[in-house]
N, C-alpha and C. Protein backbone atom coordinates (compact mmCIF):
# COMPACT_ATOMS: atom_id res chain seq x y z
N UNK A 1 76.49 -9.15 34.39
CA UNK A 1 75.63 -8.11 33.85
C UNK A 1 74.27 -8.75 33.51
N UNK A 2 73.18 -8.13 33.98
CA UNK A 2 71.85 -8.64 33.67
C UNK A 2 71.44 -8.23 32.26
N UNK A 3 70.38 -8.85 31.76
CA UNK A 3 69.86 -8.49 30.44
C UNK A 3 69.44 -7.03 30.41
N UNK A 4 68.85 -6.55 31.51
CA UNK A 4 68.42 -5.15 31.58
C UNK A 4 69.61 -4.20 31.49
N UNK A 5 70.70 -4.56 32.15
CA UNK A 5 71.90 -3.72 32.09
C UNK A 5 72.52 -3.73 30.69
N UNK A 6 72.43 -4.88 30.01
CA UNK A 6 73.01 -5.00 28.67
C UNK A 6 72.34 -4.09 27.65
N UNK A 7 71.06 -3.79 27.87
CA UNK A 7 70.32 -2.97 26.90
C UNK A 7 69.92 -1.60 27.44
N UNK A 8 70.30 -1.28 28.66
CA UNK A 8 69.85 -0.06 29.34
C UNK A 8 70.10 1.22 28.55
N UNK A 9 71.24 1.35 27.90
CA UNK A 9 71.58 2.57 27.17
C UNK A 9 71.16 2.56 25.71
N UNK A 10 70.62 1.44 25.23
CA UNK A 10 70.17 1.37 23.84
C UNK A 10 69.01 2.33 23.61
N UNK A 11 68.99 2.94 22.44
CA UNK A 11 67.94 3.90 22.07
C UNK A 11 66.82 3.19 21.30
N UNK A 12 65.58 3.49 21.65
CA UNK A 12 64.41 3.02 20.92
C UNK A 12 63.52 4.21 20.59
N UNK A 13 62.72 4.06 19.57
CA UNK A 13 61.88 5.16 19.08
C UNK A 13 60.42 4.88 19.42
N UNK A 14 59.75 5.85 20.04
CA UNK A 14 58.34 5.70 20.35
C UNK A 14 57.54 5.59 19.06
N UNK A 15 56.69 4.57 18.98
CA UNK A 15 55.88 4.36 17.78
C UNK A 15 54.81 5.43 17.62
N UNK A 16 54.44 6.09 18.71
CA UNK A 16 53.39 7.11 18.62
C UNK A 16 53.93 8.53 18.51
N UNK A 17 54.99 8.85 19.27
CA UNK A 17 55.50 10.23 19.25
C UNK A 17 56.74 10.42 18.37
N UNK A 18 57.45 9.32 18.08
CA UNK A 18 58.69 9.42 17.32
C UNK A 18 59.89 9.79 18.17
N UNK A 19 59.68 10.01 19.47
CA UNK A 19 60.76 10.39 20.38
C UNK A 19 61.72 9.21 20.60
N UNK A 20 63.01 9.50 20.60
CA UNK A 20 64.03 8.50 20.91
C UNK A 20 64.28 8.52 22.42
N UNK A 21 64.23 7.35 23.05
CA UNK A 21 64.45 7.24 24.50
C UNK A 21 65.39 6.07 24.77
N UNK A 22 66.01 6.07 25.95
CA UNK A 22 66.84 4.93 26.34
C UNK A 22 65.94 3.83 26.89
N UNK A 23 66.39 2.61 26.75
CA UNK A 23 65.62 1.48 27.28
C UNK A 23 65.42 1.62 28.78
N UNK A 24 66.45 2.09 29.51
CA UNK A 24 66.32 2.16 30.96
C UNK A 24 65.22 3.12 31.39
N UNK A 25 64.88 4.10 30.55
CA UNK A 25 63.81 5.03 30.91
C UNK A 25 62.45 4.33 30.96
N UNK A 26 62.34 3.16 30.37
CA UNK A 26 61.08 2.43 30.35
C UNK A 26 60.78 1.74 31.68
N UNK A 27 61.81 1.48 32.48
CA UNK A 27 61.59 0.82 33.76
C UNK A 27 62.15 1.58 34.95
N UNK A 28 62.64 2.78 34.75
CA UNK A 28 63.24 3.53 35.87
C UNK A 28 62.25 3.81 36.99
N UNK A 29 60.99 4.10 36.65
CA UNK A 29 60.04 4.55 37.65
C UNK A 29 58.97 3.53 38.04
N UNK A 30 58.92 2.39 37.34
CA UNK A 30 57.96 1.35 37.71
C UNK A 30 58.36 0.04 37.05
N UNK A 31 57.84 -1.08 37.62
CA UNK A 31 58.09 -2.37 37.00
C UNK A 31 57.55 -2.34 35.59
N UNK A 32 58.15 -3.09 34.71
CA UNK A 32 57.79 -3.04 33.30
C UNK A 32 57.21 -4.36 32.79
N UNK A 33 55.71 -4.47 32.47
CA UNK A 33 54.91 -5.51 31.79
C UNK A 33 53.42 -5.03 31.72
N UNK A 34 44.36 -4.63 32.08
CA UNK A 34 43.40 -4.36 33.14
C UNK A 34 43.91 -4.79 34.51
N UNK A 35 45.05 -6.10 34.51
CA UNK A 35 45.59 -6.57 35.78
C UNK A 35 46.93 -5.88 36.08
N UNK A 36 47.69 -5.62 35.07
CA UNK A 36 48.98 -4.96 35.25
C UNK A 36 48.79 -3.53 35.73
N UNK A 37 47.83 -2.82 35.17
CA UNK A 37 47.55 -1.45 35.59
C UNK A 37 47.20 -1.38 37.07
N UNK A 38 46.44 -2.36 37.54
CA UNK A 38 46.04 -2.40 38.95
C UNK A 38 47.26 -2.46 39.87
N UNK A 39 48.34 -3.01 39.37
CA UNK A 39 49.55 -3.17 40.17
C UNK A 39 50.66 -2.22 39.74
N UNK A 40 50.29 -1.19 38.98
CA UNK A 40 51.23 -0.16 38.52
C UNK A 40 52.41 -0.76 37.75
N UNK A 41 52.10 -1.69 36.84
CA UNK A 41 53.11 -2.33 36.00
C UNK A 41 52.94 -1.80 34.59
N UNK A 42 54.01 -1.35 33.99
CA UNK A 42 53.99 -0.78 32.64
C UNK A 42 54.22 -1.88 31.61
N UNK A 43 53.38 -1.93 30.59
CA UNK A 43 53.51 -2.89 29.50
C UNK A 43 54.14 -2.17 28.31
N UNK A 44 55.30 -2.67 27.87
CA UNK A 44 56.05 -2.03 26.79
C UNK A 44 56.38 -3.07 25.74
N UNK A 45 56.18 -2.73 24.47
CA UNK A 45 56.56 -3.60 23.37
C UNK A 45 57.67 -2.95 22.57
N UNK A 46 58.65 -3.75 22.15
CA UNK A 46 59.75 -3.24 21.34
C UNK A 46 59.72 -3.99 20.01
N UNK A 47 59.42 -3.28 18.94
CA UNK A 47 59.39 -3.88 17.60
C UNK A 47 60.71 -3.67 16.89
N UNK A 48 60.85 -4.33 15.72
CA UNK A 48 62.13 -4.26 15.00
C UNK A 48 62.14 -3.25 13.86
N UNK A 49 60.96 -2.72 13.49
CA UNK A 49 60.95 -1.77 12.38
C UNK A 49 59.65 -0.98 12.37
N UNK A 50 59.65 0.11 11.60
CA UNK A 50 58.48 0.98 11.53
C UNK A 50 57.44 0.49 10.53
N UNK A 51 57.86 -0.36 9.59
CA UNK A 51 56.94 -0.89 8.59
C UNK A 51 55.79 -1.63 9.28
N UNK A 52 54.57 -1.20 9.02
CA UNK A 52 53.39 -1.85 9.57
C UNK A 52 52.97 -1.37 10.95
N UNK A 53 53.71 -0.43 11.54
CA UNK A 53 53.39 0.03 12.89
C UNK A 53 52.03 0.71 12.93
N UNK A 54 51.72 1.55 11.96
CA UNK A 54 50.43 2.25 11.95
C UNK A 54 49.28 1.25 11.95
N UNK A 55 49.37 0.25 11.09
CA UNK A 55 48.32 -0.77 11.02
C UNK A 55 48.23 -1.55 12.34
N UNK A 56 49.38 -1.81 12.94
CA UNK A 56 49.43 -2.53 14.21
C UNK A 56 48.74 -1.71 15.31
N UNK A 57 49.05 -0.41 15.35
CA UNK A 57 48.42 0.47 16.34
C UNK A 57 46.93 0.62 16.07
N UNK A 58 46.57 0.82 14.80
CA UNK A 58 45.16 0.98 14.43
C UNK A 58 44.35 -0.27 14.76
N UNK A 59 44.98 -1.44 14.61
CA UNK A 59 44.31 -2.70 14.90
C UNK A 59 44.19 -3.00 16.39
N UNK A 60 44.82 -2.17 17.21
CA UNK A 60 44.79 -2.32 18.67
C UNK A 60 45.21 -3.74 19.10
N UNK A 61 46.32 -4.22 18.51
CA UNK A 61 46.83 -5.54 18.83
C UNK A 61 47.66 -5.56 20.11
N UNK A 62 47.97 -4.38 20.64
CA UNK A 62 48.83 -4.28 21.83
C UNK A 62 48.34 -3.13 22.68
N UNK A 63 48.15 -3.38 23.98
CA UNK A 63 47.58 -2.36 24.87
C UNK A 63 48.61 -1.48 25.56
N UNK A 64 49.89 -1.78 25.38
CA UNK A 64 50.92 -1.01 26.08
C UNK A 64 51.56 0.05 25.20
N UNK A 65 52.69 0.56 25.66
CA UNK A 65 53.47 1.54 24.90
C UNK A 65 54.36 0.78 23.92
N UNK A 66 54.40 1.25 22.68
CA UNK A 66 55.16 0.56 21.65
C UNK A 66 56.34 1.41 21.20
N UNK A 67 57.51 0.78 21.10
CA UNK A 67 58.74 1.43 20.67
C UNK A 67 59.38 0.60 19.56
N UNK A 68 60.26 1.25 18.78
CA UNK A 68 60.95 0.58 17.68
C UNK A 68 62.45 0.54 18.00
N UNK A 69 63.04 -0.63 17.92
CA UNK A 69 64.49 -0.79 18.07
C UNK A 69 65.09 -0.58 16.68
N UNK A 70 65.23 0.67 16.30
CA UNK A 70 65.62 1.06 14.95
C UNK A 70 66.92 0.37 14.52
N UNK A 71 67.87 0.26 15.42
CA UNK A 71 69.16 -0.36 15.09
C UNK A 71 69.18 -1.87 15.37
N UNK A 72 68.08 -2.41 15.89
CA UNK A 72 67.96 -3.83 16.28
C UNK A 72 69.04 -4.22 17.29
N UNK A 73 69.48 -3.25 18.06
CA UNK A 73 70.55 -3.47 19.03
C UNK A 73 70.06 -4.27 20.24
N UNK A 74 68.85 -3.99 20.71
CA UNK A 74 68.33 -4.73 21.87
C UNK A 74 68.20 -6.21 21.54
N UNK A 75 67.67 -6.50 20.36
CA UNK A 75 67.50 -7.89 19.95
C UNK A 75 68.86 -8.59 19.89
N UNK A 76 69.86 -7.91 19.39
CA UNK A 76 71.21 -8.48 19.29
C UNK A 76 71.81 -8.66 20.69
N UNK A 77 71.72 -7.62 21.52
CA UNK A 77 72.30 -7.68 22.86
C UNK A 77 71.64 -8.75 23.73
N UNK A 78 70.35 -9.00 23.51
CA UNK A 78 69.64 -10.03 24.26
C UNK A 78 69.80 -11.41 23.62
N UNK A 79 70.50 -11.46 22.49
CA UNK A 79 70.75 -12.70 21.75
C UNK A 79 69.46 -13.40 21.35
N UNK A 80 68.49 -12.61 20.90
CA UNK A 80 67.26 -13.19 20.39
C UNK A 80 67.52 -13.82 19.04
N UNK A 81 66.86 -14.93 18.82
CA UNK A 81 67.07 -15.74 17.62
C UNK A 81 66.69 -14.98 16.35
N UNK A 82 67.48 -15.19 15.33
CA UNK A 82 67.20 -14.63 14.02
C UNK A 82 67.29 -15.77 13.01
N UNK A 83 66.22 -15.96 12.27
CA UNK A 83 66.18 -17.01 11.26
C UNK A 83 66.88 -16.57 9.99
N UNK A 84 67.32 -17.53 9.22
CA UNK A 84 67.80 -17.33 7.86
C UNK A 84 66.82 -18.04 6.93
N UNK A 85 66.95 -17.85 5.66
CA UNK A 85 66.02 -18.44 4.70
C UNK A 85 65.99 -19.97 4.82
N UNK A 86 67.14 -20.59 5.08
CA UNK A 86 67.19 -22.05 5.12
C UNK A 86 66.49 -22.65 6.34
N UNK A 87 66.48 -21.94 7.47
CA UNK A 87 65.78 -22.49 8.63
C UNK A 87 64.41 -21.86 8.85
N UNK A 88 64.07 -20.80 8.11
CA UNK A 88 62.76 -20.18 8.25
C UNK A 88 61.67 -21.06 7.63
N UNK A 89 61.92 -21.58 6.45
CA UNK A 89 60.90 -22.35 5.74
C UNK A 89 60.45 -23.58 6.55
N UNK A 90 61.37 -24.41 7.05
CA UNK A 90 60.90 -25.53 7.88
C UNK A 90 60.17 -25.06 9.14
N UNK A 91 60.61 -23.94 9.72
CA UNK A 91 59.97 -23.42 10.94
C UNK A 91 58.52 -23.03 10.67
N UNK A 92 58.24 -22.53 9.47
CA UNK A 92 56.87 -22.15 9.12
C UNK A 92 55.93 -23.35 9.07
N UNK A 93 56.49 -24.53 8.83
CA UNK A 93 55.67 -25.73 8.70
C UNK A 93 55.64 -26.58 9.97
N UNK A 94 56.21 -26.07 11.06
CA UNK A 94 56.14 -26.80 12.32
C UNK A 94 54.70 -26.78 12.83
N UNK A 95 54.36 -27.72 13.70
CA UNK A 95 52.99 -27.81 14.22
C UNK A 95 52.60 -26.53 14.96
N UNK A 96 53.50 -25.99 15.78
CA UNK A 96 53.15 -24.77 16.53
C UNK A 96 52.90 -23.60 15.59
N UNK A 97 53.70 -23.49 14.52
CA UNK A 97 53.49 -22.41 13.55
C UNK A 97 52.18 -22.61 12.80
N UNK A 98 51.91 -23.83 12.38
CA UNK A 98 50.64 -24.10 11.66
C UNK A 98 49.45 -23.79 12.55
N UNK A 99 49.53 -24.18 13.83
CA UNK A 99 48.44 -23.90 14.77
C UNK A 99 48.25 -22.40 14.96
N UNK A 100 49.35 -21.65 15.07
CA UNK A 100 49.26 -20.19 15.23
C UNK A 100 48.68 -19.53 13.98
N UNK A 101 49.07 -20.00 12.82
CA UNK A 101 48.53 -19.46 11.57
C UNK A 101 47.04 -19.73 11.48
N UNK A 102 46.62 -20.95 11.84
CA UNK A 102 45.19 -21.30 11.83
C UNK A 102 44.41 -20.43 12.81
N UNK A 103 44.97 -20.21 14.00
CA UNK A 103 44.29 -19.37 15.00
C UNK A 103 44.15 -17.94 14.51
N UNK A 104 45.18 -17.41 13.85
CA UNK A 104 45.10 -16.03 13.35
C UNK A 104 44.08 -15.92 12.22
N UNK A 105 43.97 -16.95 11.41
CA UNK A 105 42.95 -16.93 10.34
C UNK A 105 41.55 -16.99 10.94
N UNK A 106 41.37 -17.83 11.96
CA UNK A 106 40.08 -17.93 12.63
C UNK A 106 39.69 -16.59 13.25
N UNK A 107 40.67 -15.89 13.82
CA UNK A 107 40.43 -14.59 14.44
C UNK A 107 40.41 -13.46 13.42
N UNK A 108 40.61 -13.80 12.16
CA UNK A 108 40.62 -12.84 11.05
C UNK A 108 41.68 -11.76 11.23
N UNK A 109 42.85 -12.19 11.71
CA UNK A 109 43.99 -11.30 11.81
C UNK A 109 44.79 -11.45 10.52
N UNK A 110 44.87 -10.38 9.78
CA UNK A 110 45.56 -10.44 8.49
C UNK A 110 47.06 -10.39 8.63
N UNK A 111 47.72 -10.44 7.53
CA UNK A 111 49.17 -10.35 7.48
C UNK A 111 49.57 -10.09 6.05
N UNK A 112 50.71 -9.46 5.86
CA UNK A 112 51.10 -9.12 4.49
C UNK A 112 52.49 -9.62 4.11
N UNK A 113 53.16 -10.32 5.02
CA UNK A 113 54.51 -10.85 4.78
C UNK A 113 55.51 -9.78 4.35
N UNK A 114 55.28 -8.56 4.78
CA UNK A 114 56.24 -7.48 4.52
C UNK A 114 57.10 -7.30 5.76
N UNK A 115 58.28 -6.80 5.57
CA UNK A 115 59.13 -6.49 6.70
C UNK A 115 60.07 -7.61 7.07
N UNK A 116 60.66 -7.48 8.26
CA UNK A 116 61.66 -8.43 8.75
C UNK A 116 60.96 -9.56 9.48
N UNK A 117 60.67 -10.62 8.78
CA UNK A 117 60.03 -11.77 9.42
C UNK A 117 61.04 -12.82 9.84
N UNK A 118 62.32 -12.51 9.77
CA UNK A 118 63.37 -13.42 10.21
C UNK A 118 63.65 -13.29 11.71
N UNK A 119 63.33 -12.13 12.30
CA UNK A 119 63.66 -11.86 13.69
C UNK A 119 62.53 -12.32 14.60
N UNK A 120 62.88 -13.10 15.62
CA UNK A 120 61.93 -13.43 16.67
C UNK A 120 62.40 -12.74 17.95
N UNK A 121 61.55 -12.68 18.93
CA UNK A 121 61.88 -11.92 20.13
C UNK A 121 61.70 -12.72 21.40
N UNK A 122 61.05 -12.10 22.34
CA UNK A 122 60.85 -12.73 23.63
C UNK A 122 60.11 -11.81 24.57
N UNK A 123 60.12 -12.16 25.83
CA UNK A 123 59.46 -11.39 26.87
C UNK A 123 60.46 -11.15 27.99
N UNK A 124 60.62 -9.91 28.34
CA UNK A 124 61.54 -9.52 29.40
C UNK A 124 60.74 -8.74 30.43
N UNK A 125 60.70 -9.22 31.67
CA UNK A 125 60.03 -8.51 32.76
C UNK A 125 61.12 -7.95 33.65
N UNK A 126 61.15 -6.62 33.76
CA UNK A 126 62.23 -5.93 34.48
C UNK A 126 61.66 -5.22 35.70
N UNK A 127 62.29 -5.44 36.85
CA UNK A 127 61.87 -4.78 38.09
C UNK A 127 62.15 -3.29 38.01
N UNK A 128 61.31 -2.52 38.67
CA UNK A 128 61.49 -1.07 38.74
C UNK A 128 62.94 -0.75 39.09
N UNK A 129 63.52 0.18 38.35
CA UNK A 129 64.91 0.56 38.56
C UNK A 129 65.88 -0.22 37.70
N UNK A 130 65.45 -1.37 37.20
CA UNK A 130 66.28 -2.16 36.30
C UNK A 130 67.32 -3.03 36.96
N UNK A 131 67.31 -3.11 38.30
CA UNK A 131 68.36 -3.88 38.97
C UNK A 131 68.14 -5.38 38.90
N UNK A 132 66.94 -5.81 38.51
CA UNK A 132 66.67 -7.24 38.48
C UNK A 132 65.74 -7.59 37.32
N UNK A 133 66.07 -8.67 36.62
CA UNK A 133 65.19 -9.20 35.58
C UNK A 133 64.37 -10.31 36.22
N UNK A 134 63.05 -10.15 36.22
CA UNK A 134 62.16 -11.11 36.86
C UNK A 134 61.82 -12.29 35.95
N UNK A 135 61.86 -12.06 34.64
CA UNK A 135 61.55 -13.11 33.67
C UNK A 135 62.24 -12.78 32.36
N UNK A 136 62.89 -13.76 31.78
CA UNK A 136 63.49 -13.61 30.46
C UNK A 136 63.11 -14.84 29.64
N UNK A 137 62.14 -14.67 28.77
CA UNK A 137 61.69 -15.76 27.90
C UNK A 137 62.10 -15.44 26.47
N UNK A 138 63.00 -16.24 25.91
CA UNK A 138 63.42 -16.08 24.52
C UNK A 138 62.63 -17.05 23.67
N UNK A 139 62.05 -16.55 22.58
CA UNK A 139 61.31 -17.42 21.68
C UNK A 139 62.23 -18.48 21.09
N UNK A 140 61.80 -19.74 21.17
CA UNK A 140 62.54 -20.84 20.55
C UNK A 140 62.09 -21.06 19.12
N UNK A 141 60.84 -20.70 18.85
CA UNK A 141 60.27 -20.92 17.53
C UNK A 141 59.41 -19.72 17.16
N UNK A 142 58.93 -19.69 15.93
CA UNK A 142 58.15 -18.55 15.45
C UNK A 142 56.88 -18.32 16.27
N UNK A 143 56.23 -19.39 16.68
CA UNK A 143 54.95 -19.27 17.39
C UNK A 143 55.09 -19.35 18.91
N UNK A 144 56.30 -19.48 19.39
CA UNK A 144 56.55 -19.60 20.82
C UNK A 144 56.21 -18.29 21.53
N UNK A 145 55.63 -18.42 22.72
CA UNK A 145 55.35 -17.24 23.55
C UNK A 145 55.27 -17.68 25.00
N UNK A 146 55.47 -16.73 25.88
CA UNK A 146 55.37 -17.02 27.30
C UNK A 146 53.90 -16.98 27.70
N UNK A 147 53.52 -17.86 28.60
CA UNK A 147 52.14 -17.90 29.10
C UNK A 147 51.91 -16.68 29.99
N UNK A 148 50.74 -16.07 29.87
CA UNK A 148 50.40 -14.89 30.69
C UNK A 148 50.52 -15.19 32.18
N UNK A 149 50.16 -16.42 32.58
CA UNK A 149 50.24 -16.79 33.99
C UNK A 149 51.68 -16.74 34.50
N UNK A 150 52.62 -17.09 33.63
CA UNK A 150 54.04 -17.04 34.01
C UNK A 150 54.50 -15.60 34.22
N UNK A 151 54.01 -14.68 33.38
CA UNK A 151 54.35 -13.27 33.54
C UNK A 151 53.79 -12.76 34.87
N UNK A 152 52.53 -13.05 35.14
CA UNK A 152 51.91 -12.61 36.40
C UNK A 152 52.63 -13.21 37.61
N UNK A 153 53.00 -14.49 37.51
CA UNK A 153 53.72 -15.14 38.60
C UNK A 153 55.05 -14.45 38.87
N UNK A 154 55.76 -14.05 37.81
CA UNK A 154 57.06 -13.38 38.00
C UNK A 154 56.90 -12.05 38.72
N UNK A 155 55.71 -11.46 38.63
CA UNK A 155 55.41 -10.18 39.28
C UNK A 155 54.70 -10.36 40.62
N UNK A 156 54.53 -11.62 41.05
CA UNK A 156 53.79 -11.95 42.27
C UNK A 156 52.36 -11.42 42.23
N UNK A 157 51.74 -11.55 41.07
CA UNK A 157 50.34 -11.15 40.89
C UNK A 157 49.54 -12.42 40.65
N UNK A 158 48.46 -12.58 41.41
CA UNK A 158 47.63 -13.78 41.21
C UNK A 158 46.30 -13.43 40.60
C-alpha cells in the first residue's frame, strides 16, 4: 500500500471554506504540489489544527490550498514524527533549528508558540489519480524541509 492509498479516505477540512473532503479528492484530477501552475500541478498544505490558520492565511505564507487534518489521522498514517517534551527542548537548540529561528527573525516572521508544536510533517508529492507517490520526505528535525529542486525533479520539471 502506498502512502497515498493509506490516507486516501481520510477527511480534511478546507481552511477557507470549512468543507470536509477526502484526501484522495486533492489529487484525483491532477498531480498534487508560478512553476507548478505552468505544469498544472496543485499545491496543497495539510495543517494539524485550526488555531492560527486565519493569521497564516492573512500572512500569505502559503500559495496553495490549505486543509486541516482535524483528527491528525494523515500525520499518524504517514508515521510523521511527533515530539514529546523531553526530546522537543534539545531539538529547539540544534544548529538547524537555531538557524531557522534566526532566519525567521531576520524575515520578521512572528510566532506565538500556541498550538501543537510537537507535530512535524513532511512533503508528499502524489501523481494524478493517486496511484503513485513521486516523493515522500518526512521531516527528521523541526527545521528540516525538502529542497524545492527535489520537488521539481520528482515532477520532471526543470
